[in-house]
Structure formats: structure tokens, C-alpha cells
Amino acid sequence: MIPNAVLKDFESLPVDAQQQVIDFIAFIKSRYQLRKSSQAQNTPESSFSSIKVKKKVTLEQMDEAIRQKGAEL
């Protein structure tokens, strides 16, 4: 997966620099995962998945409620 040259470059770094590379990879990984989960949450399905409805209403009932509210104005 990792080319030998890159692995040799990593191994030739001082221990502190190696730790910085490891920390950077962890940072990039977490950032990518956050972006990926954020994109998944921006779908219409996920937007409405948190809405819980206990009462069932038909479209006709909704239309009637809108007509009645319009009559009050």
C-alpha cells in the first residue's frame, strides 16, 4: 500500500517528526470522516428522520385546515 520510498523516508525522520506525521494522518482521517458523515446528514431523508409524528392527518384534512385559516384572515 505505501511505497517503500515513502516508508524509508518516514523511518529516516527523527522520532518527533514521525509522531507529527502520525498525528497529521489522524487529523486528516478524522476530518475526512466528519465531512463524510456531514454529507450523509444533508440528504432529504436524513433531514426528516428526526421528525416523529404521532398523529396521522390526510391531505384533505390539511387542505381543509388551510382553507379555514384563510377564511379567518
N, C-alpha and C. Protein backbone atom coordinates (compact mmCIF):
# COMPACT_ATOMS: atom_id res chain seq x y z
N MET A 1 0.82 -1.20 0.00
CA MET A 1 0.00 0.00 0.00
C MET A 1 0.86 1.27 0.00
N ILE A 2 1.81 1.33 0.93
CA ILE A 2 2.70 2.50 0.99
C ILE A 2 3.97 2.17 0.23
N PRO A 3 4.35 3.01 -0.73
CA PRO A 3 5.60 2.76 -1.47
C PRO A 3 6.79 2.69 -0.52
N ASN A 4 7.73 1.83 -0.84
CA ASN A 4 8.91 1.64 0.01
C ASN A 4 9.66 2.95 0.24
N ALA A 5 9.74 3.79 -0.78
CA ALA A 5 10.47 5.06 -0.64
C ALA A 5 9.83 5.93 0.44
N VAL A 6 8.52 5.96 0.48
CA VAL A 6 7.83 6.77 1.48
C VAL A 6 8.06 6.20 2.87
N LEU A 7 8.00 4.89 2.97
CA LEU A 7 8.23 4.25 4.26
C LEU A 7 9.67 4.49 4.74
N LYS A 8 10.63 4.43 3.83
CA LYS A 8 12.03 4.71 4.18
C LYS A 8 12.20 6.16 4.61
N ASP A 9 11.52 7.08 3.89
CA ASP A 9 11.57 8.49 4.28
C ASP A 9 11.02 8.69 5.68
N PHE A 10 9.91 8.03 5.97
CA PHE A 10 9.30 8.13 7.29
C PHE A 10 10.25 7.60 8.36
N GLU A 11 10.82 6.46 8.10
CA GLU A 11 11.73 5.84 9.08
C GLU A 11 13.00 6.65 9.28
N SER A 12 13.39 7.46 8.28
CA SER A 12 14.60 8.26 8.41
C SER A 12 14.37 9.55 9.22
N LEU A 13 13.12 9.86 9.46
CA LEU A 13 12.80 11.07 10.24
C LEU A 13 13.10 10.85 11.72
N PRO A 14 13.39 11.94 12.44
CA PRO A 14 13.53 11.83 13.90
C PRO A 14 12.19 11.38 14.52
N VAL A 15 12.28 10.82 15.69
CA VAL A 15 11.08 10.29 16.36
C VAL A 15 10.00 11.37 16.50
N ASP A 16 10.40 12.59 16.83
CA ASP A 16 9.41 13.68 16.98
C ASP A 16 8.70 13.95 15.65
N ALA A 17 9.44 13.95 14.57
CA ALA A 17 8.85 14.19 13.25
C ALA A 17 7.94 13.03 12.85
N GLN A 18 8.34 11.81 13.19
CA GLN A 18 7.47 10.66 12.91
C GLN A 18 6.14 10.81 13.64
N GLN A 19 6.21 11.27 14.89
CA GLN A 19 4.97 11.45 15.66
C GLN A 19 4.10 12.54 15.03
N GLN A 20 4.72 13.58 14.49
CA GLN A 20 3.96 14.62 13.81
C GLN A 20 3.25 14.08 12.58
N VAL A 21 3.92 13.20 11.85
CA VAL A 21 3.30 12.57 10.67
C VAL A 21 2.11 11.73 11.12
N ILE A 22 2.28 10.96 12.15
CA ILE A 22 1.20 10.12 12.68
C ILE A 22 0.03 10.98 13.13
N ASP A 23 0.32 12.07 13.84
CA ASP A 23 -0.74 12.98 14.30
C ASP A 23 -1.47 13.62 13.12
N PHE A 24 -0.71 13.99 12.08
CA PHE A 24 -1.32 14.60 10.90
C PHE A 24 -2.25 13.62 10.20
N ILE A 25 -1.82 12.37 10.09
CA ILE A 25 -2.67 11.36 9.47
C ILE A 25 -3.96 11.18 10.27
N ALA A 26 -3.85 11.15 11.59
CA ALA A 26 -5.04 11.03 12.44
C ALA A 26 -5.97 12.23 12.24
N PHE A 27 -5.39 13.43 12.13
CA PHE A 27 -6.18 14.63 11.91
C PHE A 27 -6.93 14.56 10.59
N ILE A 28 -6.22 14.21 9.52
CA ILE A 28 -6.83 14.11 8.19
C ILE A 28 -7.93 13.05 8.19
N LYS A 29 -7.66 11.94 8.84
CA LYS A 29 -8.65 10.85 8.91
C LYS A 29 -9.92 11.33 9.62
N SER A 30 -9.77 12.01 10.74
CA SER A 30 -10.95 12.48 11.47
C SER A 30 -11.70 13.55 10.68
N ARG A 31 -10.97 14.41 10.00
CA ARG A 31 -11.59 15.45 9.19
C ARG A 31 -12.38 14.85 8.03
N TYR A 32 -11.81 13.84 7.39
CA TYR A 32 -12.49 13.17 6.30
C TYR A 32 -13.75 12.48 6.79
N GLN A 33 -13.67 11.82 7.95
CA GLN A 33 -14.84 11.13 8.49
C GLN A 33 -15.94 12.11 8.86
N LEU A 34 -15.57 13.28 9.42
CA LEU A 34 -16.56 14.30 9.75
C LEU A 34 -17.24 14.82 8.49
N ARG A 35 -16.47 15.08 7.45
CA ARG A 35 -17.02 15.57 6.19
C ARG A 35 -17.95 14.53 5.57
N LYS A 36 -17.53 13.28 5.62
CA LYS A 36 -18.33 12.19 5.05
C LYS A 36 -19.65 12.05 5.80
N SER A 37 -19.61 12.09 7.13
CA SER A 37 -20.84 11.97 7.90
C SER A 37 -21.71 13.22 7.74
N SER A 38 -21.09 14.37 7.58
CA SER A 38 -21.84 15.60 7.36
C SER A 38 -22.58 15.55 6.03
N GLN A 39 -21.95 15.03 5.00
CA GLN A 39 -22.59 14.91 3.69
C GLN A 39 -23.75 13.93 3.76
N ALA A 40 -23.61 12.87 4.53
CA ALA A 40 -24.68 11.89 4.66
C ALA A 40 -25.87 12.50 5.39
N GLN A 41 -25.63 13.44 6.29
CA GLN A 41 -26.72 14.06 7.04
C GLN A 41 -27.44 15.13 6.25
N ASN A 42 -26.92 15.54 5.12
CA ASN A 42 -27.54 16.60 4.34
C ASN A 42 -28.52 16.09 3.29
N THR A 43 -28.92 14.83 3.38
CA THR A 43 -29.88 14.29 2.44
C THR A 43 -31.29 14.60 2.94
N PRO A 44 -32.26 14.69 2.05
CA PRO A 44 -33.64 14.95 2.49
C PRO A 44 -34.14 13.87 3.46
N GLU A 45 -33.76 12.64 3.21
CA GLU A 45 -34.20 11.57 4.09
C GLU A 45 -33.70 11.77 5.51
N SER A 46 -32.45 12.15 5.65
CA SER A 46 -31.89 12.33 6.99
C SER A 46 -32.44 13.58 7.65
N SER A 47 -32.83 14.57 6.86
CA SER A 47 -33.39 15.79 7.43
C SER A 47 -34.70 15.53 8.13
N PHE A 48 -35.49 14.62 7.59
CA PHE A 48 -36.80 14.35 8.16
C PHE A 48 -36.81 13.14 9.08
N SER A 49 -35.71 12.44 9.18
CA SER A 49 -35.69 11.24 10.01
C SER A 49 -35.82 11.56 11.49
N SER A 50 -35.50 12.78 11.90
CA SER A 50 -35.60 13.13 13.30
C SER A 50 -36.99 13.62 13.69
N ILE A 51 -37.87 13.80 12.71
CA ILE A 51 -39.23 14.25 13.00
C ILE A 51 -40.09 13.04 13.32
N LYS A 52 -40.70 13.06 14.49
CA LYS A 52 -41.56 11.96 14.91
C LYS A 52 -42.99 12.49 14.98
N VAL A 53 -43.89 11.84 14.27
CA VAL A 53 -45.29 12.26 14.22
C VAL A 53 -46.14 11.19 14.86
N LYS A 54 -46.99 11.60 15.80
CA LYS A 54 -47.86 10.65 16.48
C LYS A 54 -49.26 10.64 15.87
N LYS A 55 -49.64 11.75 15.27
CA LYS A 55 -50.99 11.88 14.73
C LYS A 55 -50.96 11.80 13.22
N LYS A 56 -51.88 11.03 12.66
CA LYS A 56 -51.99 10.90 11.21
C LYS A 56 -52.99 11.91 10.69
N VAL A 57 -52.64 12.61 9.61
CA VAL A 57 -53.50 13.61 9.00
C VAL A 57 -53.49 13.36 7.49
N THR A 58 -54.67 13.40 6.90
CA THR A 58 -54.75 13.22 5.45
C THR A 58 -54.51 14.55 4.75
N LEU A 59 -54.24 14.47 3.45
CA LEU A 59 -54.05 15.69 2.68
C LEU A 59 -55.34 16.52 2.65
N GLU A 60 -56.47 15.84 2.60
CA GLU A 60 -57.75 16.55 2.62
C GLU A 60 -57.93 17.33 3.92
N GLN A 61 -57.54 16.73 5.03
CA GLN A 61 -57.63 17.42 6.32
C GLN A 61 -56.69 18.63 6.36
N MET A 62 -55.53 18.48 5.78
CA MET A 62 -54.58 19.60 5.73
C MET A 62 -55.13 20.72 4.87
N ASP A 63 -55.69 20.37 3.70
CA ASP A 63 -56.29 21.38 2.82
C ASP A 63 -57.42 22.12 3.53
N GLU A 64 -58.24 21.39 4.25
CA GLU A 64 -59.37 22.00 4.97
C GLU A 64 -58.85 22.95 6.05
N ALA A 65 -57.83 22.58 6.76
CA ALA A 65 -57.26 23.44 7.79
C ALA A 65 -56.70 24.72 7.17
N ILE A 66 -56.09 24.59 6.00
CA ILE A 66 -55.56 25.78 5.32
C ILE A 66 -56.70 26.67 4.88
N ARG A 67 -57.77 26.09 4.34
CA ARG A 67 -58.93 26.89 3.92
C ARG A 67 -59.56 27.62 5.11
N GLN A 68 -59.68 26.93 6.24
CA GLN A 68 -60.26 27.56 7.42
C GLN A 68 -59.40 28.69 7.93
N LYS A 69 -58.11 28.51 7.92
CA LYS A 69 -57.20 29.57 8.38
C LYS A 69 -57.28 30.77 7.43
N GLY A 70 -57.41 30.50 6.13
CA GLY A 70 -57.56 31.59 5.16
C GLY A 70 -58.85 32.35 5.35
N ALA A 71 -59.91 31.66 5.76
CA ALA A 71 -61.20 32.30 5.98
C ALA A 71 -61.15 33.22 7.20
N GLU A 72 -60.30 32.89 8.17
CA GLU A 72 -60.18 33.71 9.38
C GLU A 72 -59.48 35.03 9.08
N LEU A 73 -58.64 35.05 8.08
CA LEU A 73 -57.89 36.26 7.76
C LEU A 73 -58.79 37.20 7.05
